[in-house]
Amino acid sequence: MLLASRFGSLVRLALVTVTLTGATAPAAAQRTAAAPVSTGAEQAFATKVAQLSEQPGFFDSDNLISNESSYLHPIGALRALRVRGGAYIGVGPDQSFSYIAAIRPRIAYVIDIRRDNLIQHLLFKALFDRSRNRMEYLCRWLGYDVPRDVERWSGKPITDIVAYLDSQPPNEPSAAAERAAVAARVQTYRVPLDQRDLATLDRFHAAFQGERLDLRFTSLNRMPRPGYPTLRELILERDLEGKQASYLAREDDWLFIKNLQSRHLVIPVVGDLAGQHALAAIGRDAAQQDLEVSALYVSNVEQYLWRDGTFQQFAETAAKLPRNARSVLIRSYFGRNFGTPHPMSRGPASLSNQLMQRLSDFAARQNGGGWSSYWDLVTLGSIDLASPKQP
């Protein structure tokens, strides 16, 4: 589910360095925290983030992790339909990484109306940079001590890695030192950050370190809804073939994303999917690189756009994105929000449903008069994920 956060400005004149709260790191940890000097590549990355982004908006969640237990259901269909390469566009926190791992795009854009999502993706970028493998990434992300034999864990089953982490005690001084190290690395990316941004970065990282694998999606000022998966469950989730398929399930998938991150090719963008600038600018940027959109993942953003009367602007922009016959749109449908299960629901226990539609079919329907209801939108043109057919 895509949600939003406070209003703020993306483009500021300078980086602001602040001292984060928490325990003082020991000397060895301070040496680990030293960040490399940024280069022209980082400045180009920051410039692209600014050029593609627009003013942020608000919604009532930090959205630290997904609440879509069905998020891996499209993975088999993506491979069967040979959705590959090109430019990936997606929303939200790290669930996009699993689609990226399956599609292997040449560039990925992660767009969210919340500026806080950009900050969270800078956190992820720093964690990838600081880690050699999945075990080290998870340890640095969630506040576990990195094992001395961490390289031995490369290629281990994700179930073994999770079981090891579940057996480890917390270490607050070490966790605080890692937050400081990540903050130092984030500032080398040249994206202008002020004290509020850095405080948000520290708060998000501390939330992961506090709840660890038990973290669940929560909304602000609203009672938590039952059934949302934990981070542990999301990491261990399976696709429709029963295979563990998150970006953390296999070392080579994680390494692919690490490589994209190291080349500054995962671009976090602040933008409303129904806005006047960001999504269209992403489409132009992809086209300038002779890339077509392989997948557009929108979670259940369309639900809010339809409610707010802004869906038409999104649909017009999405219909103009560069595409080919294999390009797809991936969306989420939460049946309990409407009291109506989807025809492709995976059973009564399915809180969310992942749906897929060819982007060419979406554009044809939009150009042919659009949809009369949100229900039409989420049902017409949906691909059967269990037995997808080539165009």
Protein backbone atom coordinates (compact mmCIF):
# COMPACT_ATOMS: atom_id res chain seq x y z
CA MET A 1 0.00 0.00 0.00
CA LEU A 2 1.37 3.39 -0.95
CA LEU A 3 1.03 6.01 1.75
CA ALA A 4 2.44 9.47 2.30
CA SER A 5 4.14 11.71 4.84
CA ARG A 6 4.76 15.33 5.75
CA PHE A 7 5.23 18.21 3.34
CA GLY A 8 8.76 19.41 2.66
CA SER A 9 11.03 20.68 -0.09
CA LEU A 10 13.19 18.37 -2.15
CA VAL A 11 15.68 20.84 -3.49
CA ARG A 12 17.72 22.61 -0.82
CA LEU A 13 20.94 24.54 -1.27
CA ALA A 14 23.33 22.50 0.83
CA LEU A 15 23.77 19.37 2.88
CA VAL A 16 23.35 19.86 6.59
CA THR A 17 25.40 17.62 8.83
CA VAL A 18 23.93 16.86 12.23
CA THR A 19 24.93 14.73 15.17
CA LEU A 20 22.39 11.94 15.62
CA THR A 21 21.15 10.96 19.04
CA GLY A 22 22.22 7.68 20.54
CA ALA A 23 25.22 6.07 22.18
CA THR A 24 28.69 7.20 21.18
CA ALA A 25 30.25 4.61 18.92
CA PRO A 26 33.49 2.97 20.00
CA ALA A 27 36.64 3.76 18.03
CA ALA A 28 36.44 0.63 15.88
CA ALA A 29 32.83 1.38 14.98
CA GLN A 30 33.74 4.97 14.15
CA ARG A 31 36.35 3.69 11.73
CA THR A 32 33.70 1.49 10.12
CA ALA A 33 31.40 4.49 9.87
CA ALA A 34 33.82 6.53 7.77
CA ALA A 35 32.11 7.25 4.45
CA PRO A 36 33.90 7.56 1.09
CA VAL A 37 34.25 10.95 -0.52
CA SER A 38 31.45 11.48 -3.00
CA THR A 39 32.22 11.93 -6.68
CA GLY A 40 30.64 13.36 -9.79
CA ALA A 41 28.54 10.19 -10.10
CA GLU A 42 26.85 10.94 -6.79
CA GLN A 43 26.18 14.52 -7.88
CA ALA A 44 24.65 13.27 -11.13
CA PHE A 45 22.46 10.90 -9.09
CA ALA A 46 21.30 13.74 -6.81
CA THR A 47 20.63 15.97 -9.81
CA LYS A 48 18.45 13.35 -11.46
CA VAL A 49 16.52 12.80 -8.21
CA ALA A 50 15.82 16.55 -8.07
CA GLN A 51 14.94 16.88 -11.75
CA LEU A 52 12.44 14.03 -11.70
CA SER A 53 10.81 14.89 -8.38
CA GLU A 54 7.96 17.21 -7.47
CA GLN A 55 6.57 18.57 -4.22
CA PRO A 56 5.62 15.84 -1.73
CA GLY A 57 2.24 15.17 -0.20
CA PHE A 58 0.77 13.55 2.91
CA PHE A 59 -0.63 10.22 3.96
CA ASP A 60 -0.99 8.60 7.35
CA SER A 61 1.78 6.02 7.52
CA ASP A 62 5.54 5.70 7.56
CA ASN A 63 5.00 2.66 5.29
CA LEU A 64 8.25 1.07 6.44
CA ILE A 65 7.30 -2.32 4.98
CA SER A 66 4.60 -3.63 2.68
CA ASN A 67 1.24 -4.95 3.88
CA GLU A 68 0.79 -7.03 0.70
CA SER A 69 1.16 -10.69 1.60
CA SER A 70 0.50 -11.47 -2.08
CA TYR A 71 3.34 -9.31 -3.40
CA LEU A 72 5.27 -12.26 -4.85
CA HIS A 73 2.36 -13.79 -6.76
CA PRO A 74 3.34 -12.09 -10.07
CA ILE A 75 6.94 -13.37 -10.06
CA GLY A 76 6.26 -16.55 -12.05
CA ALA A 77 4.13 -14.68 -14.59
CA LEU A 78 6.79 -12.02 -15.04
CA ARG A 79 9.25 -14.74 -16.01
CA ALA A 80 6.77 -16.71 -18.12
CA LEU A 81 5.83 -13.58 -20.07
CA ARG A 82 9.51 -12.65 -20.45
CA VAL A 83 9.09 -9.26 -18.83
CA ARG A 84 12.75 -8.37 -18.86
CA GLY A 85 15.17 -5.46 -18.92
CA GLY A 86 14.12 -1.93 -19.82
CA ALA A 87 13.04 0.53 -17.16
CA TYR A 88 11.18 -0.49 -14.01
CA ILE A 89 8.85 1.97 -12.24
CA GLY A 90 7.41 1.13 -8.83
CA VAL A 91 6.12 2.55 -5.58
CA GLY A 92 6.64 1.93 -1.87
CA PRO A 93 9.54 0.59 0.22
CA ASP A 94 11.49 -2.57 -0.60
CA GLN A 95 8.85 -4.80 -2.25
CA SER A 96 9.92 -3.26 -5.57
CA PHE A 97 13.32 -4.91 -5.12
CA SER A 98 11.74 -8.36 -5.60
CA TYR A 99 10.18 -7.29 -8.91
CA ILE A 100 13.48 -5.71 -9.93
CA ALA A 101 15.32 -8.94 -9.14
CA ALA A 102 12.91 -10.91 -11.34
CA ILE A 103 12.87 -8.43 -14.25
CA ARG A 104 16.56 -7.40 -14.27
CA PRO A 105 15.91 -3.87 -15.61
CA ARG A 106 18.68 -1.55 -16.77
CA ILE A 107 17.34 1.21 -14.51
CA ALA A 108 14.71 1.39 -11.77
CA TYR A 109 12.68 4.36 -10.55
CA VAL A 110 10.89 4.19 -7.19
CA ILE A 111 8.26 6.92 -6.98
CA ASP A 112 6.23 7.84 -3.91
CA ILE A 113 4.22 10.88 -2.91
CA ARG A 114 6.04 10.88 0.43
CA ARG A 115 9.46 12.48 0.72
CA ASP A 116 10.04 10.06 3.59
CA ASN A 117 10.05 7.20 1.09
CA LEU A 118 12.99 8.83 -0.68
CA ILE A 119 14.80 9.00 2.67
CA GLN A 120 14.06 5.33 3.30
CA HIS A 121 15.46 4.39 -0.12
CA LEU A 122 18.63 6.32 0.66
CA LEU A 123 18.81 4.15 3.79
CA PHE A 124 18.51 1.03 1.65
CA LYS A 125 21.12 2.36 -0.78
CA ALA A 126 23.61 2.87 2.06
CA LEU A 127 22.90 -0.59 3.46
CA PHE A 128 23.58 -2.20 0.08
CA ASP A 129 26.80 -0.20 -0.22
CA ARG A 130 27.99 -1.25 3.23
CA SER A 131 27.19 -4.95 2.87
CA ARG A 132 28.92 -7.85 1.14
CA ASN A 133 26.03 -10.30 1.21
CA ARG A 134 22.46 -10.78 2.41
CA MET A 135 23.48 -11.70 5.94
CA GLU A 136 25.49 -8.51 6.39
CA TYR A 137 22.71 -6.45 4.80
CA LEU A 138 20.09 -7.81 7.18
CA CYS A 139 22.37 -7.38 10.19
CA ARG A 140 23.14 -3.76 9.38
CA TRP A 141 19.50 -3.07 8.52
CA LEU A 142 17.96 -4.65 11.61
CA GLY A 143 20.57 -4.00 14.29
CA TYR A 144 22.18 -7.41 14.61
CA ASP A 145 25.92 -7.80 15.08
CA VAL A 146 27.57 -8.87 11.82
CA PRO A 147 29.02 -12.37 12.37
CA ARG A 148 32.79 -12.63 12.08
CA ASP A 149 32.39 -15.33 9.44
CA VAL A 150 29.81 -13.35 7.47
CA GLU A 151 31.24 -14.32 4.08
CA ARG A 152 30.50 -17.97 4.89
CA TRP A 153 26.81 -17.09 4.73
CA SER A 154 26.87 -16.16 1.03
CA GLY A 155 24.58 -18.54 -0.82
CA LYS A 156 22.98 -19.99 2.33
CA PRO A 157 19.20 -20.55 2.25
CA ILE A 158 17.26 -17.53 3.48
CA THR A 159 15.53 -19.75 6.04
CA ASP A 160 18.94 -20.45 7.63
CA ILE A 161 19.81 -16.76 7.67
CA VAL A 162 16.49 -15.81 9.29
CA ALA A 163 16.82 -18.60 11.86
CA TYR A 164 20.29 -17.36 12.79
CA LEU A 165 19.08 -13.78 13.18
CA ASP A 166 16.17 -14.93 15.36
CA SER A 167 18.69 -16.52 17.72
CA GLN A 168 20.74 -13.34 18.21
CA PRO A 169 20.31 -10.83 21.08
CA PRO A 170 20.05 -7.06 20.55
CA ASN A 171 23.13 -4.84 20.96
CA GLU A 172 22.05 -1.20 21.26
CA PRO A 173 25.54 0.42 21.18
CA SER A 174 26.37 -1.52 18.01
CA ALA A 175 23.00 -0.62 16.49
CA ALA A 176 23.49 3.08 17.28
CA ALA A 177 26.94 2.98 15.70
CA GLU A 178 25.46 1.46 12.54
CA ARG A 179 22.81 4.18 12.34
CA ALA A 180 25.56 6.81 12.50
CA ALA A 181 27.58 4.98 9.84
CA VAL A 182 24.59 4.74 7.52
CA ALA A 183 23.79 8.44 8.01
CA ALA A 184 27.37 9.31 7.07
CA ARG A 185 27.16 7.19 3.92
CA VAL A 186 23.79 8.66 2.93
CA GLN A 187 25.23 12.17 2.98
CA THR A 188 27.79 11.23 0.33
CA TYR A 189 24.96 10.76 -2.18
CA ARG A 190 24.63 14.55 -2.44
CA VAL A 191 20.82 14.58 -2.12
CA PRO A 192 20.21 17.71 -0.02
CA LEU A 193 19.05 16.73 3.47
CA ASP A 194 18.23 18.95 6.42
CA GLN A 195 18.06 18.12 10.11
CA ARG A 196 14.48 16.88 9.87
CA ASP A 197 15.44 14.53 7.04
CA LEU A 198 18.38 13.12 8.99
CA ALA A 199 16.19 12.73 12.06
CA THR A 200 13.68 10.82 9.92
CA LEU A 201 16.47 8.62 8.58
CA ASP A 202 17.60 7.83 12.14
CA ARG A 203 14.01 7.24 13.31
CA PHE A 204 13.29 4.83 10.47
CA HIS A 205 16.49 2.88 10.99
CA ALA A 206 15.84 2.74 14.76
CA ALA A 207 12.32 1.43 14.10
CA PHE A 208 13.73 -1.46 12.08
CA GLN A 209 16.33 -2.13 14.77
CA GLY A 210 13.71 -2.04 17.50
CA GLU A 211 11.09 -4.33 15.95
CA ARG A 212 13.48 -6.31 13.79
CA LEU A 213 11.84 -9.22 11.95
CA ASP A 214 8.58 -8.74 13.89
CA LEU A 215 7.93 -5.33 12.33
CA ARG A 216 4.48 -4.91 10.73
CA PHE A 217 2.87 -2.22 8.62
CA THR A 218 1.05 0.33 10.78
CA SER A 219 -0.94 3.50 10.11
CA LEU A 220 -0.73 6.70 12.13
CA ASN A 221 -3.66 7.70 14.34
CA ARG A 222 -5.60 4.59 13.33
CA MET A 223 -6.03 1.20 14.99
CA PRO A 224 -3.80 -1.44 13.34
CA ARG A 225 -5.70 -3.77 11.05
CA PRO A 226 -5.31 -7.53 11.57
CA GLY A 227 -3.62 -9.83 9.12
CA TYR A 228 -0.71 -7.68 7.97
CA PRO A 229 2.46 -9.76 7.52
CA THR A 230 5.61 -9.31 9.57
CA LEU A 231 8.91 -8.46 7.90
CA ARG A 232 9.95 -12.04 8.60
CA GLU A 233 6.91 -13.33 6.71
CA LEU A 234 7.52 -10.99 3.79
CA ILE A 235 11.14 -12.13 3.49
CA LEU A 236 10.14 -15.81 3.60
CA GLU A 237 7.01 -15.40 1.42
CA ARG A 238 6.55 -17.66 -1.60
CA ASP A 239 5.32 -17.20 -5.15
CA LEU A 240 2.41 -19.12 -6.68
CA GLU A 241 4.72 -22.04 -7.46
CA GLY A 242 5.61 -22.36 -3.78
CA LYS A 243 9.13 -21.00 -4.21
CA GLN A 244 10.68 -18.38 -1.94
CA ALA A 245 11.04 -15.47 -4.33
CA SER A 246 11.86 -12.26 -2.48
CA TYR A 247 15.02 -10.38 -3.43
CA LEU A 248 16.56 -11.85 -0.27
CA ALA A 249 15.84 -15.47 -1.18
CA ARG A 250 18.83 -15.86 -3.49
CA GLU A 251 22.28 -14.30 -3.32
CA ASP A 252 22.43 -13.47 -7.02
CA ASP A 253 19.15 -11.55 -6.88
CA TRP A 254 20.41 -9.46 -3.96
CA LEU A 255 23.74 -8.92 -5.74
CA PHE A 256 21.94 -7.71 -8.88
CA ILE A 257 20.23 -4.97 -6.88
CA LYS A 258 23.47 -4.14 -5.06
CA ASN A 259 25.11 -3.67 -8.46
CA LEU A 260 22.31 -1.36 -9.65
CA GLN A 261 22.61 0.63 -6.42
CA SER A 262 26.38 0.94 -6.73
CA ARG A 263 25.93 2.42 -10.23
CA HIS A 264 23.23 4.83 -8.95
CA LEU A 265 20.58 3.20 -11.13
CA VAL A 266 17.88 2.86 -8.48
CA ILE A 267 16.44 6.36 -8.53
CA PRO A 268 14.11 7.40 -5.68
CA VAL A 269 11.63 10.03 -6.86
CA VAL A 270 9.20 12.16 -4.86
CA GLY A 271 5.99 12.40 -6.83
CA ASP A 272 2.26 11.87 -7.04
CA LEU A 273 1.37 9.27 -9.69
CA ALA A 274 -1.43 11.66 -10.66
CA GLY A 275 0.82 14.71 -10.55
CA GLN A 276 1.77 16.97 -13.42
CA HIS A 277 5.50 16.22 -13.45
CA ALA A 278 7.18 13.19 -11.84
CA LEU A 279 5.70 10.17 -13.65
CA ALA A 280 5.81 11.90 -17.02
CA ALA A 281 9.40 13.00 -16.37
CA ILE A 282 10.37 9.40 -15.54
CA GLY A 283 8.86 8.29 -18.85
CA ARG A 284 10.85 10.92 -20.73
CA ASP A 285 14.06 9.99 -18.90
CA ALA A 286 13.61 6.32 -19.84
CA ALA A 287 12.85 7.23 -23.47
CA GLN A 288 15.96 9.40 -23.66
CA GLN A 289 17.95 6.27 -22.80
CA ASP A 290 16.08 4.28 -25.49
CA LEU A 291 14.38 2.20 -22.79
CA GLU A 292 10.82 0.98 -22.64
CA VAL A 293 8.99 0.41 -19.38
CA SER A 294 9.09 -3.28 -18.52
CA ALA A 295 6.81 -3.00 -15.47
CA LEU A 296 4.84 -0.29 -13.70
CA TYR A 297 3.95 -1.34 -10.14
CA VAL A 298 1.33 0.90 -8.52
CA SER A 299 0.27 -1.12 -5.43
CA ASN A 300 -3.27 0.10 -4.63
CA VAL A 301 -2.55 3.76 -5.35
CA GLU A 302 -5.28 3.76 -8.01
CA GLN A 303 -7.84 3.19 -5.25
CA TYR A 304 -6.92 6.54 -3.68
CA LEU A 305 -6.64 8.33 -7.01
CA TRP A 306 -10.10 7.10 -7.99
CA ARG A 307 -11.51 8.22 -4.64
CA ASP A 308 -9.88 11.66 -4.94
CA GLY A 309 -10.94 12.23 -8.55
CA THR A 310 -7.37 12.33 -9.90
CA PHE A 311 -7.21 8.92 -11.56
CA GLN A 312 -7.72 10.34 -15.06
CA GLN A 313 -4.48 12.31 -14.90
CA PHE A 314 -2.55 9.20 -13.88
CA ALA A 315 -4.19 7.09 -16.59
CA GLU A 316 -3.35 9.64 -19.28
CA THR A 317 0.29 9.73 -18.20
CA ALA A 318 0.63 5.96 -17.79
CA ALA A 319 -0.88 5.39 -21.26
CA LYS A 320 1.93 7.50 -22.77
CA LEU A 321 4.84 5.71 -21.09
CA PRO A 322 7.23 4.06 -23.55
CA ARG A 323 6.27 0.38 -23.74
CA ASN A 324 6.39 -2.81 -25.77
CA ALA A 325 4.13 -5.85 -26.12
CA ARG A 326 5.52 -7.40 -22.91
CA SER A 327 5.22 -4.31 -20.68
CA VAL A 328 2.92 -4.85 -17.70
CA LEU A 329 1.15 -2.94 -14.96
CA ILE A 330 1.09 -4.59 -11.51
CA ARG A 331 -1.50 -3.47 -8.96
CA SER A 332 -2.83 -4.59 -5.58
CA TYR A 333 -6.46 -5.03 -4.60
CA PHE A 334 -7.61 -5.18 -0.97
CA GLY A 335 -11.00 -6.87 -1.06
CA ARG A 336 -11.88 -6.16 2.54
CA ASN A 337 -11.73 -2.43 1.79
CA PHE A 338 -14.79 -2.97 -0.39
CA GLY A 339 -16.35 -6.12 1.03
CA THR A 340 -15.99 -7.82 -2.35
CA PRO A 341 -13.42 -10.55 -3.10
CA HIS A 342 -11.68 -10.35 -6.43
CA PRO A 343 -12.56 -13.03 -9.03
CA MET A 344 -8.89 -14.01 -9.02
CA SER A 345 -8.67 -14.11 -5.21
CA ARG A 346 -6.44 -16.84 -3.84
CA GLY A 347 -8.93 -17.85 -1.15
CA PRO A 348 -10.65 -16.31 1.88
CA ALA A 349 -7.35 -15.92 3.74
CA SER A 350 -5.98 -13.68 1.01
CA LEU A 351 -5.85 -10.17 2.48
CA SER A 352 -4.41 -8.67 -0.69
CA ASN A 353 -4.47 -9.70 -4.33
CA GLN A 354 -1.73 -8.92 -6.80
CA LEU A 355 -3.08 -8.26 -10.29
CA MET A 356 -1.31 -7.84 -13.62
CA GLN A 357 -2.42 -6.21 -16.86
CA ARG A 358 -0.54 -5.56 -20.06
CA LEU A 359 0.34 -1.89 -20.26
CA SER A 360 -0.81 -1.86 -23.89
CA ASP A 361 -4.24 -3.12 -22.76
CA PHE A 362 -4.39 -0.43 -20.07
CA ALA A 363 -3.53 2.24 -22.66
CA ALA A 364 -6.09 0.90 -25.15
CA ARG A 365 -8.86 0.98 -22.53
CA GLN A 366 -7.84 4.47 -21.42
CA ASN A 367 -7.75 5.77 -24.99
CA GLY A 368 -11.04 4.01 -25.73
CA GLY A 369 -13.02 5.80 -23.06
CA GLY A 370 -11.63 4.55 -19.78
CA TRP A 371 -13.47 2.73 -17.00
CA SER A 372 -16.85 3.31 -15.41
CA SER A 373 -15.81 2.16 -11.92
CA TYR A 374 -12.85 1.13 -9.82
CA TRP A 375 -14.20 -2.43 -9.94
CA ASP A 376 -13.96 -2.37 -13.75
CA LEU A 377 -10.41 -1.09 -13.45
CA VAL A 378 -9.25 -3.98 -11.26
CA THR A 379 -11.12 -6.73 -13.13
CA LEU A 380 -11.03 -5.91 -16.85
CA GLY A 381 -7.90 -7.06 -18.63
CA SER A 382 -6.36 -8.91 -15.67
CA ILE A 383 -3.90 -11.65 -16.59
CA ASP A 384 -4.30 -15.06 -14.94
CA LEU A 385 -1.09 -15.22 -12.91
CA ALA A 386 -1.33 -18.99 -12.56
CA SER A 387 -1.37 -19.58 -16.34
CA PRO A 388 -0.24 -16.44 -18.18
CA LYS A 389 -0.29 -16.44 -21.96
CA GLN A 390 2.13 -14.74 -24.33
CA PRO A 391 0.78 -11.72 -26.28
